[in-house]
Amino acid sequence: MTRLPHWMLLLSCVGCGCALSQALEKADGRPERRAPSAPSVALGTVVALTEACPNGAGGAGPTCQMVEVSCPRINPIRCLLQITEPAAGVSLRGTVVLGSGGYGNGFYATALVQQLSTMGFLVVNRSWEGTYGWITAEGGLVPESNRYATLLTWIHDHIHKGGKFVAAGESAGSAELGYALTTWGRAAILDLALPLSGPPMARLDYACVTPETPQWTSLCASITPHGATQCPTQACMLNPENPFNVCTQVSAKPTAEQLLNDSVFHPGATLNYPMVVHFIYGAQDCGEPVPNGLTYANAVTSKTIIDFVPNTPHELWSTPEGLAAIVSAIDLGTK
């Protein structure tokens, strides 16, 4: 596994012509900073529903809780929480909240849940209901991400039983987590955050604006540390017609400024946290989430760890190496 702490990313150009540092000097990808402020709207509310979860949603061992999440200026949506207790006889170490990618309307890796349970973690695996999950085209990803921040807070206050409180999300799930940190102040309740394979929406103004800007062309070509991936080429752009429609959440024809303001790493983003943020990428992930996610990872001013897992694609859970990397990060990050 290639492990790159925050400081190493800034020095990793040694031996490759310092392309990274030069790119950062000329076009570091940082939006013009505004003074951090409180969220423009408050967090929403969560109601635990009494109706049963759909058949099979609880799996063989976990229990299932259906909730409804309501947030300002957007429609309420329901979410299924698959709750797995720590294995019998194992001391409680804390809670891990897992978030799948895409629309978030599926549960994350079952194999990971079982391993975390045997380690002593209570695991909450979330799945948004509806065809489009949390990505509902109701004014942008920023207001829509309020749902996850609200849900995470409710899980902390109503399901978490003590010990460390950890959140991990993959791909678009890492964007939910990223918004929770940069926009909704949720670092205040977390002991460890694991953005996995992303966040692909770190800078939408880079990934969605066509033609690709010269600034992003240069930065995308240099931001991934030399030798970290096993990719012949690295994609830089999201398809404007990608099935998840993240480029058009804020508007059908958004401007670059609208896209920037709707990004995880937006001008008012909070970038200093009281805990570690551990980014993990697959070394065979040759898509846009790697360079775009690194724009945010590099900008965090508090402690970060950045890992690239060999022989592993975008779906980290899909290889033994990827699964082991996630388990190790949670294990070491909660000791």
Protein backbone atom coordinates (compact mmCIF):
# COMPACT_ATOMS: atom_id res chain seq x y z
CA MET A 1 0.00 0.00 0.00
CA THR A 2 1.29 3.46 -0.90
CA ARG A 3 0.70 5.72 2.09
CA LEU A 4 1.05 9.45 1.68
CA PRO A 5 0.63 11.67 4.74
CA HIS A 6 -0.41 15.25 4.05
CA TRP A 7 3.18 16.57 4.16
CA MET A 8 4.38 13.93 1.72
CA LEU A 9 1.93 15.01 -0.94
CA LEU A 10 3.58 18.41 -0.92
CA LEU A 11 7.06 16.89 -1.28
CA SER A 12 6.32 13.93 -3.48
CA CYS A 13 7.46 15.77 -6.59
CA VAL A 14 11.10 15.25 -5.59
CA GLY A 15 12.57 13.04 -8.29
CA CYS A 16 9.92 13.92 -10.89
CA GLY A 17 10.85 17.50 -11.67
CA CYS A 18 8.70 19.02 -8.91
CA ALA A 19 5.76 19.07 -11.28
CA LEU A 20 3.33 18.98 -8.38
CA SER A 21 4.76 21.96 -6.52
CA GLN A 22 5.02 23.99 -9.73
CA ALA A 23 1.41 23.24 -10.59
CA LEU A 24 0.31 24.23 -7.12
CA GLU A 25 2.23 27.50 -7.32
CA LYS A 26 0.72 28.42 -10.67
CA ALA A 27 -2.76 26.98 -10.21
CA ASP A 28 -3.18 25.38 -6.85
CA GLY A 29 -6.87 24.77 -7.34
CA ARG A 30 -7.83 26.62 -4.17
CA PRO A 31 -10.93 28.78 -4.52
CA GLU A 32 -10.71 32.34 -3.32
CA ARG A 33 -11.13 32.05 0.43
CA ARG A 34 -13.98 33.59 2.32
CA ALA A 35 -14.17 33.63 6.07
CA PRO A 36 -15.66 30.33 7.30
CA SER A 37 -19.19 30.77 8.48
CA ALA A 38 -21.98 28.78 10.03
CA PRO A 39 -24.15 26.73 7.67
CA SER A 40 -26.56 28.90 5.69
CA VAL A 41 -29.40 26.74 6.97
CA ALA A 42 -29.69 24.64 10.11
CA LEU A 43 -29.53 20.87 10.20
CA GLY A 44 -32.81 19.10 9.73
CA THR A 45 -34.68 16.55 11.81
CA VAL A 46 -35.02 12.77 11.87
CA VAL A 47 -38.10 10.80 12.86
CA ALA A 48 -37.85 7.10 13.64
CA LEU A 49 -40.72 5.34 11.88
CA THR A 50 -42.63 2.41 13.31
CA GLU A 51 -43.34 0.73 10.00
CA ALA A 52 -41.31 -2.35 9.15
CA CYS A 53 -38.38 -2.27 6.77
CA PRO A 54 -38.80 -4.03 3.42
CA ASN A 55 -38.24 -7.78 3.51
CA GLY A 56 -34.55 -8.61 3.63
CA ALA A 57 -33.38 -5.11 4.52
CA GLY A 58 -32.19 -6.29 7.91
CA GLY A 59 -30.21 -9.23 6.58
CA ALA A 60 -29.63 -12.36 8.63
CA GLY A 61 -28.14 -10.74 11.72
CA PRO A 62 -28.68 -6.99 11.75
CA THR A 63 -31.80 -5.16 12.78
CA CYS A 64 -33.35 -2.51 10.58
CA GLN A 65 -34.70 0.91 11.47
CA MET A 66 -36.57 3.08 8.97
CA VAL A 67 -36.30 6.83 9.48
CA GLU A 68 -37.49 9.95 7.69
CA VAL A 69 -35.04 12.80 7.27
CA SER A 70 -36.42 16.32 6.79
CA CYS A 71 -34.20 19.28 5.93
CA PRO A 72 -34.87 22.94 5.16
CA ARG A 73 -36.15 23.79 1.67
CA ILE A 74 -35.98 20.24 0.30
CA ASN A 75 -38.38 17.32 0.44
CA PRO A 76 -38.13 14.74 3.23
CA ILE A 77 -36.84 11.32 2.25
CA ARG A 78 -36.69 8.00 4.01
CA CYS A 79 -33.62 6.02 4.87
CA LEU A 80 -33.06 2.43 5.97
CA LEU A 81 -30.52 1.87 8.73
CA GLN A 82 -29.07 -1.63 8.95
CA ILE A 83 -27.74 -1.91 12.50
CA THR A 84 -25.26 -4.63 13.42
CA GLU A 85 -24.25 -5.03 17.06
CA PRO A 86 -20.70 -5.97 18.09
CA ALA A 87 -20.07 -9.70 18.12
CA ALA A 88 -21.03 -11.51 21.34
CA GLY A 89 -18.36 -11.35 24.00
CA VAL A 90 -16.42 -8.54 22.33
CA SER A 91 -15.94 -5.23 24.13
CA LEU A 92 -17.58 -2.21 22.49
CA ARG A 93 -15.05 -0.01 20.67
CA GLY A 94 -17.48 2.44 19.11
CA THR A 95 -19.75 2.99 16.12
CA VAL A 96 -18.96 2.99 12.40
CA VAL A 97 -21.44 4.61 10.00
CA LEU A 98 -21.09 3.31 6.42
CA GLY A 99 -22.28 5.01 3.25
CA SER A 100 -22.45 3.49 -0.22
CA GLY A 101 -21.77 5.39 -3.45
CA GLY A 102 -23.95 6.43 -6.36
CA TYR A 103 -27.32 7.67 -5.20
CA GLY A 104 -26.69 6.00 -1.84
CA ASN A 105 -29.74 3.76 -2.25
CA GLY A 106 -27.95 0.56 -1.33
CA PHE A 107 -26.03 -0.85 1.62
CA TYR A 108 -22.23 -0.92 1.73
CA ALA A 109 -20.07 -4.07 1.76
CA THR A 110 -21.51 -6.85 3.95
CA ALA A 111 -18.07 -8.43 4.38
CA LEU A 112 -16.79 -5.20 5.93
CA VAL A 113 -19.75 -5.05 8.32
CA GLN A 114 -19.00 -8.52 9.65
CA GLN A 115 -15.31 -7.78 10.18
CA LEU A 116 -16.05 -4.57 12.03
CA SER A 117 -18.61 -6.34 14.21
CA THR A 118 -16.05 -8.94 15.27
CA MET A 119 -13.67 -6.10 16.17
CA GLY A 120 -16.20 -4.67 18.61
CA PHE A 121 -17.92 -2.00 16.54
CA LEU A 122 -21.60 -1.27 16.29
CA VAL A 123 -22.10 -0.77 12.54
CA VAL A 124 -24.81 1.41 11.01
CA ASN A 125 -25.15 0.88 7.25
CA ARG A 126 -27.38 3.46 5.56
CA SER A 127 -29.46 3.15 2.38
CA TRP A 128 -31.56 6.07 1.13
CA GLU A 129 -34.94 5.18 -0.32
CA GLY A 130 -36.04 6.26 -3.79
CA THR A 131 -34.66 6.00 -7.28
CA TYR A 132 -32.29 8.94 -6.83
CA GLY A 133 -31.49 8.55 -3.14
CA TRP A 134 -30.16 11.79 -1.66
CA ILE A 135 -29.32 13.36 -5.06
CA THR A 136 -32.74 14.85 -5.84
CA ALA A 137 -32.14 18.00 -7.95
CA GLU A 138 -33.59 20.34 -5.34
CA GLY A 139 -31.24 23.29 -5.57
CA GLY A 140 -27.82 21.66 -5.40
CA LEU A 141 -25.69 19.08 -3.64
CA VAL A 142 -24.97 21.44 -0.75
CA PRO A 143 -28.58 21.62 0.49
CA GLU A 144 -29.14 17.95 -0.39
CA SER A 145 -26.06 16.93 1.64
CA ASN A 146 -27.79 18.37 4.71
CA ARG A 147 -29.66 15.06 4.82
CA TYR A 148 -26.54 13.02 5.55
CA ALA A 149 -25.22 15.54 8.08
CA THR A 150 -28.59 15.45 9.83
CA LEU A 151 -28.73 11.66 9.76
CA LEU A 152 -25.16 11.33 11.04
CA THR A 153 -25.99 13.57 13.98
CA TRP A 154 -29.13 11.59 14.80
CA ILE A 155 -27.19 8.30 14.71
CA HIS A 156 -24.61 9.82 17.06
CA ASP A 157 -27.29 11.00 19.48
CA HIS A 158 -29.69 8.02 19.34
CA ILE A 159 -27.83 4.85 18.27
CA HIS A 160 -24.18 5.35 19.23
CA LYS A 161 -23.52 3.72 22.62
CA GLY A 162 -20.06 5.02 23.40
CA GLY A 163 -16.48 4.66 22.29
CA LYS A 164 -15.23 6.16 19.02
CA PHE A 165 -17.61 7.55 16.43
CA VAL A 166 -16.44 6.90 12.86
CA ALA A 167 -17.92 7.66 9.44
CA ALA A 168 -16.82 6.10 6.14
CA GLY A 169 -18.33 6.67 2.71
CA GLU A 170 -17.30 5.51 -0.74
CA SER A 171 -17.42 7.56 -3.96
CA ALA A 172 -20.54 9.77 -3.77
CA GLY A 173 -20.79 8.53 -0.17
CA SER A 174 -17.41 10.16 0.44
CA ALA A 175 -18.89 13.38 -0.93
CA GLU A 176 -21.70 13.17 1.64
CA LEU A 177 -19.03 12.85 4.30
CA GLY A 178 -16.98 15.64 2.75
CA TYR A 179 -19.91 18.06 2.81
CA ALA A 180 -20.58 17.06 6.43
CA LEU A 181 -17.05 18.22 7.27
CA THR A 182 -16.67 21.29 5.06
CA THR A 183 -20.20 22.66 5.29
CA TRP A 184 -22.16 21.27 8.22
CA GLY A 185 -19.64 21.22 11.08
CA ARG A 186 -19.90 17.48 11.69
CA ALA A 187 -16.23 17.09 12.56
CA ALA A 188 -17.43 18.12 16.00
CA ILE A 189 -18.98 14.69 16.58
CA LEU A 190 -16.49 12.47 14.71
CA ASP A 191 -13.35 10.75 15.96
CA LEU A 192 -12.30 9.55 12.49
CA ALA A 193 -13.49 10.23 8.93
CA LEU A 194 -12.73 7.95 5.98
CA PRO A 195 -13.54 9.36 2.53
CA LEU A 196 -13.09 6.36 0.21
CA SER A 197 -12.50 6.77 -3.55
CA GLY A 198 -13.20 10.47 -3.62
CA PRO A 199 -14.90 12.76 -3.09
CA PRO A 200 -15.63 12.94 -6.83
CA MET A 201 -17.57 16.18 -6.26
CA ALA A 202 -14.70 17.98 -4.52
CA ARG A 203 -14.48 20.57 -7.31
CA LEU A 204 -17.46 20.38 -9.65
CA ASP A 205 -16.24 23.45 -11.51
CA TYR A 206 -13.23 21.39 -12.60
CA ALA A 207 -14.98 18.09 -13.30
CA CYS A 208 -18.10 19.40 -15.04
CA VAL A 209 -17.08 22.43 -17.10
CA THR A 210 -16.40 21.63 -20.73
CA PRO A 211 -14.11 22.18 -22.44
CA GLU A 212 -11.69 21.35 -19.65
CA THR A 213 -9.99 24.48 -18.34
CA PRO A 214 -6.21 24.85 -18.82
CA GLN A 215 -5.86 25.23 -15.02
CA TRP A 216 -7.54 21.89 -14.39
CA THR A 217 -5.67 20.19 -17.25
CA SER A 218 -2.39 21.16 -15.64
CA LEU A 219 -3.40 20.37 -12.07
CA CYS A 220 -5.09 17.06 -12.93
CA ALA A 221 -1.94 15.88 -14.72
CA SER A 222 0.25 16.55 -11.69
CA ILE A 223 -1.85 16.21 -8.55
CA THR A 224 -1.70 12.41 -8.25
CA PRO A 225 1.72 11.57 -6.76
CA HIS A 226 4.12 9.84 -9.12
CA GLY A 227 3.95 6.07 -8.83
CA ALA A 228 0.88 6.05 -6.59
CA THR A 229 -1.47 4.54 -9.18
CA GLN A 230 -1.31 1.70 -11.67
CA CYS A 231 -3.11 3.66 -14.40
CA PRO A 232 -1.72 4.36 -17.88
CA THR A 233 -3.86 7.52 -17.94
CA GLN A 234 -6.08 9.27 -15.41
CA ALA A 235 -9.47 10.71 -16.28
CA CYS A 236 -10.09 14.29 -15.19
CA MET A 237 -13.71 14.98 -16.13
CA LEU A 238 -17.17 13.78 -15.22
CA ASN A 239 -19.43 13.12 -18.16
CA PRO A 240 -21.95 16.01 -18.09
CA GLU A 241 -24.63 13.40 -18.73
CA ASN A 242 -23.35 10.99 -16.06
CA PRO A 243 -26.15 8.85 -14.66
CA PHE A 244 -26.01 10.55 -11.26
CA ASN A 245 -26.54 14.07 -12.67
CA VAL A 246 -24.23 15.66 -10.12
CA CYS A 247 -23.20 18.35 -12.61
CA THR A 248 -26.75 19.64 -12.95
CA GLN A 249 -28.06 19.50 -9.40
CA VAL A 250 -27.73 23.23 -8.82
CA SER A 251 -29.06 24.21 -12.25
CA ALA A 252 -29.86 22.65 -15.61
CA LYS A 253 -27.13 24.82 -17.14
CA PRO A 254 -24.87 25.80 -14.26
CA THR A 255 -22.13 28.39 -14.45
CA ALA A 256 -18.63 27.60 -13.24
CA GLU A 257 -19.27 29.78 -10.19
CA GLN A 258 -22.45 27.86 -9.34
CA LEU A 259 -20.57 24.57 -9.65
CA LEU A 260 -17.75 25.81 -7.43
CA ASN A 261 -20.19 26.95 -4.77
CA ASP A 262 -21.94 23.55 -4.93
CA SER A 263 -18.69 21.62 -4.47
CA VAL A 264 -17.38 19.87 -1.35
CA PHE A 265 -14.35 22.19 -1.51
CA HIS A 266 -16.28 25.44 -1.95
CA PRO A 267 -14.98 28.93 -1.09
CA GLY A 268 -16.40 28.90 2.44
CA ALA A 269 -15.34 25.33 3.25
CA THR A 270 -14.09 24.48 6.73
CA LEU A 271 -10.76 22.69 6.24
CA ASN A 272 -9.35 22.26 9.74
CA TYR A 273 -10.68 19.42 11.89
CA PRO A 274 -10.01 18.08 15.39
CA MET A 275 -9.55 14.50 14.14
CA VAL A 276 -7.78 12.61 11.35
CA VAL A 277 -9.30 12.43 7.87
CA HIS A 278 -8.05 9.26 6.17
CA PHE A 279 -8.45 9.20 2.38
CA ILE A 280 -8.15 5.82 0.62
CA TYR A 281 -7.99 5.27 -3.14
CA GLY A 282 -7.57 2.18 -5.27
CA ALA A 283 -4.33 2.25 -7.25
CA GLN A 284 -6.29 0.94 -10.25
CA ASP A 285 -8.94 3.65 -9.99
CA CYS A 286 -8.25 5.53 -13.22
CA GLY A 287 -11.27 7.80 -13.02
CA GLU A 288 -11.96 11.42 -12.12
CA PRO A 289 -12.60 10.77 -8.38
CA VAL A 290 -8.87 10.42 -7.67
CA PRO A 291 -7.53 13.78 -8.95
CA ASN A 292 -10.72 15.61 -8.03
CA GLY A 293 -10.78 14.11 -4.56
CA LEU A 294 -7.14 15.07 -4.05
CA THR A 295 -7.97 18.75 -4.54
CA TYR A 296 -9.86 18.52 -1.26
CA ALA A 297 -7.46 16.13 0.46
CA ASN A 298 -4.52 18.45 -0.26
CA ALA A 299 -6.42 21.48 1.03
CA VAL A 300 -7.23 20.07 4.48
CA THR A 301 -5.01 21.92 6.95
CA SER A 302 -5.29 19.46 9.84
CA LYS A 303 -3.91 15.91 9.90
CA THR A 304 -4.68 13.67 6.93
CA ILE A 305 -3.52 10.28 5.71
CA ILE A 306 -3.76 9.38 2.03
CA ASP A 307 -3.43 5.74 0.94
CA PHE A 308 -3.36 4.13 -2.49
CA VAL A 309 -4.18 0.42 -2.35
CA PRO A 310 -2.49 -1.80 -4.99
CA ASN A 311 -4.51 -3.98 -7.36
CA THR A 312 -7.73 -2.27 -6.35
CA PRO A 313 -10.23 -0.35 -8.51
CA HIS A 314 -12.71 2.38 -7.58
CA GLU A 315 -14.82 -0.12 -5.60
CA LEU A 316 -12.41 -0.51 -2.70
CA TRP A 317 -14.45 -3.22 -1.01
CA SER A 318 -14.17 -5.47 -4.10
CA THR A 319 -10.63 -6.71 -3.44
CA PRO A 320 -9.05 -8.32 -0.36
CA GLU A 321 -6.44 -5.55 -0.34
CA GLY A 322 -9.06 -2.82 -0.41
CA LEU A 323 -11.17 -4.40 2.31
CA ALA A 324 -8.09 -4.90 4.48
CA ALA A 325 -7.07 -1.26 4.00
CA ILE A 326 -10.44 0.00 5.24
CA VAL A 327 -10.41 -2.35 8.23
CA SER A 328 -6.83 -1.36 9.11
CA ALA A 329 -7.61 2.35 8.85
CA ILE A 330 -10.55 2.02 11.24
CA ASP A 331 -8.62 -0.25 13.61
CA LEU A 332 -5.54 1.99 13.84
CA GLY A 333 -7.52 5.21 13.76
CA THR A 334 -9.57 4.31 16.83
CA LYS A 335 -6.80 3.15 19.13
